[in-house]
Amino acid sequence: MMDLLVDPSGQVRAVYGEDINLAAIGKVRITRASHVEPDETGRWWADLSPVDGPVLGSFQFRRLAVEAEVTWLESRLPSLTRP
């Protein structure tokens, strides 16, 4: 499932996923909101600094960092700064 936020001007914002072909509803512009990377010990971190967010972690598994990243992004989607 993907949550789509449609603003009054008709622009749609979402956390990227492949559940919906976004090109079917118009021109697509994808911008990075975060980076999920391991550290030197193999622990995973979700760095949300591209949208003035926190660094979340550390996590034992990448999928846990990605889940935390998506939860944070979706909870703030309406207020995220436009690139």
N, C-alpha and C. Protein backbone atom coordinates (compact mmCIF):
# COMPACT_ATOMS: atom_id res chain seq x y z
N MET A 1 0.85 -1.17 0.00
CA MET A 1 0.00 0.00 0.00
C MET A 1 0.89 1.24 0.00
N MET A 2 0.49 2.26 -0.76
CA MET A 2 1.19 3.54 -0.78
C MET A 2 0.21 4.64 -0.41
N ASP A 3 0.65 5.52 0.47
CA ASP A 3 -0.15 6.70 0.79
C ASP A 3 0.24 7.80 -0.16
N LEU A 4 -0.74 8.40 -0.82
CA LEU A 4 -0.51 9.51 -1.73
C LEU A 4 -1.10 10.76 -1.10
N LEU A 5 -0.33 11.83 -1.07
CA LEU A 5 -0.80 13.11 -0.55
C LEU A 5 -0.97 14.04 -1.73
N VAL A 6 -2.21 14.48 -1.96
CA VAL A 6 -2.50 15.39 -3.06
C VAL A 6 -2.74 16.77 -2.46
N ASP A 7 -1.90 17.74 -2.86
CA ASP A 7 -2.06 19.09 -2.31
C ASP A 7 -3.08 19.87 -3.14
N PRO A 8 -3.47 21.05 -2.69
CA PRO A 8 -4.50 21.82 -3.39
C PRO A 8 -4.16 22.15 -4.85
N SER A 9 -2.86 22.19 -5.19
CA SER A 9 -2.49 22.48 -6.58
C SER A 9 -2.54 21.24 -7.46
N GLY A 10 -2.79 20.08 -6.85
CA GLY A 10 -2.87 18.84 -7.62
C GLY A 10 -1.59 18.04 -7.63
N GLN A 11 -0.53 18.55 -6.98
CA GLN A 11 0.71 17.79 -6.90
C GLN A 11 0.54 16.63 -5.93
N VAL A 12 1.13 15.51 -6.29
CA VAL A 12 1.05 14.30 -5.47
C VAL A 12 2.43 14.03 -4.88
N ARG A 13 2.46 13.73 -3.58
CA ARG A 13 3.71 13.35 -2.93
C ARG A 13 3.49 12.02 -2.23
N ALA A 14 4.56 11.23 -2.19
CA ALA A 14 4.49 9.91 -1.55
C ALA A 14 5.89 9.44 -1.24
N VAL A 15 5.98 8.49 -0.33
CA VAL A 15 7.22 7.77 -0.14
C VAL A 15 7.28 6.75 -1.27
N TYR A 16 8.36 6.79 -2.04
CA TYR A 16 8.43 5.97 -3.25
C TYR A 16 8.25 4.49 -2.96
N GLY A 17 7.46 3.89 -3.78
CA GLY A 17 7.27 2.45 -3.77
C GLY A 17 6.88 2.03 -5.17
N GLU A 18 6.83 0.77 -5.43
CA GLU A 18 6.47 0.29 -6.76
C GLU A 18 5.07 -0.30 -6.80
N ASP A 19 4.27 0.00 -5.76
CA ASP A 19 2.90 -0.51 -5.70
C ASP A 19 2.01 0.16 -6.74
N ILE A 20 2.30 1.40 -7.06
CA ILE A 20 1.51 2.18 -8.02
C ILE A 20 2.45 2.72 -9.07
N ASN A 21 2.07 2.62 -10.33
CA ASN A 21 2.85 3.22 -11.41
C ASN A 21 2.55 4.71 -11.41
N LEU A 22 3.39 5.48 -10.74
CA LEU A 22 3.14 6.92 -10.61
C LEU A 22 3.15 7.65 -11.94
N ALA A 23 3.86 7.13 -12.93
CA ALA A 23 3.89 7.75 -14.25
C ALA A 23 2.51 7.73 -14.90
N ALA A 24 1.64 6.84 -14.45
CA ALA A 24 0.30 6.77 -15.00
C ALA A 24 -0.57 7.96 -14.60
N ILE A 25 -0.16 8.69 -13.55
CA ILE A 25 -0.97 9.84 -13.12
C ILE A 25 -0.32 11.18 -13.46
N GLY A 26 0.86 11.12 -14.09
CA GLY A 26 1.50 12.37 -14.51
C GLY A 26 3.01 12.29 -14.49
N LYS A 27 3.64 13.44 -14.71
CA LYS A 27 5.09 13.53 -14.73
C LYS A 27 5.64 13.20 -13.33
N VAL A 28 6.66 12.39 -13.30
CA VAL A 28 7.24 11.94 -12.02
C VAL A 28 8.58 12.63 -11.79
N ARG A 29 8.77 13.14 -10.57
CA ARG A 29 10.07 13.67 -10.14
C ARG A 29 10.39 13.01 -8.81
N ILE A 30 11.46 12.26 -8.80
CA ILE A 30 11.85 11.54 -7.59
C ILE A 30 13.05 12.25 -6.98
N THR A 31 12.94 12.56 -5.69
CA THR A 31 14.05 13.18 -4.97
C THR A 31 14.36 12.36 -3.73
N ARG A 32 15.62 12.31 -3.40
CA ARG A 32 16.06 11.54 -2.24
C ARG A 32 15.66 12.26 -0.95
N ALA A 33 15.06 11.51 -0.04
CA ALA A 33 14.68 12.06 1.26
C ALA A 33 15.57 11.52 2.37
N SER A 34 16.31 10.45 2.08
CA SER A 34 17.11 9.84 3.13
C SER A 34 18.14 8.90 2.54
N HIS A 35 19.00 8.41 3.42
CA HIS A 35 20.02 7.43 3.06
C HIS A 35 20.01 6.36 4.13
N VAL A 36 19.93 5.10 3.73
CA VAL A 36 20.05 3.99 4.68
C VAL A 36 21.36 3.29 4.37
N GLU A 37 22.28 3.34 5.33
CA GLU A 37 23.64 2.85 5.12
C GLU A 37 24.14 2.12 6.37
N PRO A 38 25.06 1.17 6.17
CA PRO A 38 25.68 0.52 7.32
C PRO A 38 26.87 1.33 7.82
N ASP A 39 27.19 1.13 9.10
CA ASP A 39 28.42 1.74 9.62
C ASP A 39 29.54 0.71 9.57
N GLU A 40 30.69 1.05 10.12
CA GLU A 40 31.86 0.17 10.05
C GLU A 40 31.69 -1.13 10.84
N THR A 41 30.69 -1.18 11.72
CA THR A 41 30.45 -2.40 12.49
C THR A 41 29.32 -3.26 11.92
N GLY A 42 28.72 -2.79 10.82
CA GLY A 42 27.63 -3.54 10.21
C GLY A 42 26.25 -3.18 10.73
N ARG A 43 26.17 -2.18 11.58
CA ARG A 43 24.87 -1.69 12.07
C ARG A 43 24.31 -0.72 11.04
N TRP A 44 22.99 -0.63 10.94
CA TRP A 44 22.33 0.18 9.92
C TRP A 44 21.76 1.46 10.50
N TRP A 45 21.85 2.54 9.72
CA TRP A 45 21.38 3.87 10.10
C TRP A 45 20.52 4.45 8.99
N ALA A 46 19.46 5.14 9.36
CA ALA A 46 18.62 5.87 8.40
C ALA A 46 18.87 7.36 8.63
N ASP A 47 19.51 7.99 7.67
CA ASP A 47 19.87 9.40 7.76
C ASP A 47 18.85 10.22 6.98
N LEU A 48 18.02 10.96 7.69
CA LEU A 48 16.96 11.75 7.07
C LEU A 48 17.35 13.22 6.93
N SER A 49 18.62 13.52 6.97
CA SER A 49 19.07 14.91 6.88
C SER A 49 18.69 15.60 5.56
N PRO A 50 18.51 14.88 4.44
CA PRO A 50 18.08 15.59 3.23
C PRO A 50 16.74 16.33 3.37
N VAL A 51 15.92 15.90 4.36
CA VAL A 51 14.65 16.59 4.62
C VAL A 51 14.64 17.19 6.03
N ASP A 52 15.84 17.57 6.48
CA ASP A 52 16.01 18.17 7.81
C ASP A 52 15.50 17.28 8.94
N GLY A 53 15.64 15.98 8.75
CA GLY A 53 15.21 15.03 9.77
C GLY A 53 16.38 14.48 10.56
N PRO A 54 16.09 13.56 11.46
CA PRO A 54 17.12 12.98 12.34
C PRO A 54 17.87 11.84 11.66
N VAL A 55 18.85 11.33 12.35
CA VAL A 55 19.50 10.07 11.99
C VAL A 55 18.91 9.02 12.93
N LEU A 56 18.31 7.99 12.36
CA LEU A 56 17.66 6.94 13.15
C LEU A 56 18.56 5.70 13.19
N GLY A 57 18.70 5.12 14.36
CA GLY A 57 19.48 3.89 14.45
C GLY A 57 20.24 3.85 15.74
N SER A 58 20.94 2.84 15.92
CA SER A 58 21.36 1.86 14.94
C SER A 58 20.43 0.65 14.96
N PHE A 59 20.44 -0.08 13.83
CA PHE A 59 19.59 -1.25 13.67
C PHE A 59 20.45 -2.44 13.27
N GLN A 60 20.07 -3.61 13.74
CA GLN A 60 20.82 -4.82 13.41
C GLN A 60 20.65 -5.19 11.94
N PHE A 61 19.44 -4.95 11.42
CA PHE A 61 19.13 -5.34 10.05
C PHE A 61 18.71 -4.14 9.21
N ARG A 62 19.08 -4.15 7.95
CA ARG A 62 18.73 -3.06 7.04
C ARG A 62 17.21 -2.86 6.98
N ARG A 63 16.45 -3.95 6.92
CA ARG A 63 15.00 -3.81 6.79
C ARG A 63 14.40 -3.03 7.97
N LEU A 64 15.00 -3.16 9.16
CA LEU A 64 14.51 -2.41 10.31
C LEU A 64 14.79 -0.92 10.15
N ALA A 65 15.95 -0.59 9.60
CA ALA A 65 16.27 0.81 9.33
C ALA A 65 15.33 1.38 8.27
N VAL A 66 15.03 0.60 7.25
CA VAL A 66 14.12 1.04 6.20
C VAL A 66 12.71 1.22 6.76
N GLU A 67 12.26 0.32 7.61
CA GLU A 67 10.94 0.46 8.23
C GLU A 67 10.86 1.74 9.06
N ALA A 68 11.89 2.02 9.84
CA ALA A 68 11.92 3.25 10.65
C ALA A 68 11.93 4.48 9.75
N GLU A 69 12.69 4.41 8.68
CA GLU A 69 12.77 5.51 7.71
C GLU A 69 11.39 5.80 7.11
N VAL A 70 10.73 4.76 6.64
CA VAL A 70 9.42 4.93 5.99
C VAL A 70 8.39 5.44 7.00
N THR A 71 8.40 4.90 8.21
CA THR A 71 7.46 5.36 9.24
C THR A 71 7.66 6.85 9.51
N TRP A 72 8.91 7.27 9.66
CA TRP A 72 9.20 8.69 9.93
C TRP A 72 8.74 9.55 8.75
N LEU A 73 9.09 9.15 7.55
CA LEU A 73 8.72 9.94 6.36
C LEU A 73 7.21 10.03 6.20
N GLU A 74 6.50 8.92 6.32
CA GLU A 74 5.05 8.93 6.13
C GLU A 74 4.36 9.77 7.20
N SER A 75 4.88 9.77 8.41
CA SER A 75 4.23 10.54 9.48
C SER A 75 4.41 12.06 9.26
N ARG A 76 5.39 12.43 8.46
CA ARG A 76 5.67 13.86 8.25
C ARG A 76 5.49 14.30 6.80
N LEU A 77 4.95 13.43 5.98
CA LEU A 77 4.81 13.73 4.55
C LEU A 77 4.14 15.07 4.27
N PRO A 78 3.07 15.42 4.96
CA PRO A 78 2.43 16.71 4.66
C PRO A 78 3.33 17.92 4.93
N SER A 79 4.28 17.78 5.86
CA SER A 79 5.08 18.95 6.24
C SER A 79 6.50 18.93 5.69
N LEU A 80 6.86 17.89 4.93
CA LEU A 80 8.22 17.82 4.42
C LEU A 80 8.50 18.96 3.45
N THR A 81 9.70 19.50 3.57
CA THR A 81 10.12 20.60 2.69
C THR A 81 10.20 20.10 1.27
N ARG A 82 9.68 20.88 0.36
CA ARG A 82 9.79 20.52 -1.05
C ARG A 82 11.21 20.82 -1.52
N PRO A 83 11.77 19.87 -2.27
CA PRO A 83 13.13 20.11 -2.78
C PRO A 83 13.14 21.20 -3.84
